[in-house]
Amino acid sequence: MPYDAIDDPTVLRRLLEAVLLLEADLSLPLLLHHFVEEARAMAGARYGALGVLDEERTGLVEFIAVGMSPE
């Protein structure tokens, strides 16, 4: 989605802040957690998740869930 297609200034600000996190000195899991949280919030979803595949693409090395209980 091009930035000029975003009409809501709050959404645009949150998207740009998420992009700026790429330059922050964060661990990969923390960075991905922020991205999932922002995507969840922008979509108005109750929860969101992201799985990171291993090098062989046969399993997950990371699974980040936001908005769900551990159960």
Protein backbone atom coordinates (compact mmCIF):
# COMPACT_ATOMS: atom_id res chain seq x y z
CA MET A 1 0.00 0.00 0.00
CA PRO A 2 1.53 3.34 -1.00
CA TYR A 3 1.80 5.90 1.78
CA ASP A 4 -0.29 8.40 -0.17
CA ALA A 5 -3.20 5.92 -0.11
CA ILE A 6 -3.43 6.19 3.70
CA ASP A 7 -5.95 8.85 4.66
CA ASP A 8 -5.76 8.51 8.44
CA PRO A 9 -2.77 10.43 9.88
CA THR A 10 -2.73 8.21 12.97
CA VAL A 11 -2.39 5.07 10.86
CA LEU A 12 0.33 6.67 8.76
CA ARG A 13 2.25 7.73 11.88
CA ARG A 14 2.04 4.22 13.36
CA LEU A 15 3.18 2.68 10.08
CA LEU A 16 6.15 5.02 9.84
CA GLU A 17 7.09 4.35 13.46
CA ALA A 18 7.05 0.62 12.73
CA VAL A 19 9.35 1.17 9.74
CA LEU A 20 11.72 3.25 11.90
CA LEU A 21 12.01 0.31 14.32
CA LEU A 22 14.09 -1.40 11.63
CA GLU A 23 16.91 0.98 12.54
CA ALA A 24 16.52 0.42 16.29
CA ASP A 25 18.87 -1.88 18.12
CA LEU A 26 16.24 -4.52 18.94
CA SER A 27 16.46 -8.28 18.99
CA LEU A 28 14.68 -9.96 16.08
CA PRO A 29 11.92 -11.48 18.27
CA LEU A 30 11.19 -8.08 19.85
CA LEU A 31 11.17 -6.34 16.47
CA LEU A 32 8.80 -8.95 15.02
CA HIS A 33 6.56 -8.68 18.09
CA HIS A 34 6.24 -4.92 17.47
CA PHE A 35 5.37 -5.52 13.81
CA VAL A 36 2.72 -8.11 14.67
CA GLU A 37 1.23 -5.81 17.31
CA GLU A 38 1.05 -2.88 14.89
CA ALA A 39 -0.45 -5.01 12.10
CA ARG A 40 -3.02 -6.39 14.56
CA ALA A 41 -3.94 -2.91 15.77
CA MET A 42 -4.19 -1.45 12.25
CA ALA A 43 -6.39 -4.31 11.09
CA GLY A 44 -8.58 -4.05 14.18
CA ALA A 45 -7.94 -7.72 14.92
CA ARG A 46 -8.16 -9.25 18.38
CA TYR A 47 -4.98 -11.24 17.83
CA GLY A 48 -2.19 -11.72 15.35
CA ALA A 49 0.62 -14.19 14.83
CA LEU A 50 3.74 -14.63 12.77
CA GLY A 51 5.71 -17.78 12.19
CA VAL A 52 9.35 -17.69 11.07
CA LEU A 53 10.47 -20.74 9.12
CA ASP A 54 13.79 -22.47 9.62
CA GLU A 55 16.35 -22.51 6.81
CA GLU A 56 14.98 -25.76 5.42
CA ARG A 57 11.43 -24.34 5.52
CA THR A 58 10.25 -27.43 7.34
CA GLY A 59 9.56 -26.02 10.80
CA LEU A 60 9.29 -22.87 12.84
CA VAL A 61 12.19 -21.25 14.63
CA GLU A 62 10.01 -18.45 15.99
CA PHE A 63 6.28 -18.11 16.61
CA ILE A 64 5.13 -14.72 17.76
CA ALA A 65 1.55 -14.33 18.94
CA VAL A 66 -0.07 -11.11 20.14
CA GLY A 67 -3.41 -10.76 21.85
CA MET A 68 -3.80 -14.44 22.74
CA SER A 69 -3.33 -16.18 26.04
CA PRO A 70 -0.50 -18.76 26.25
CA GLU A 71 -3.10 -21.54 26.33
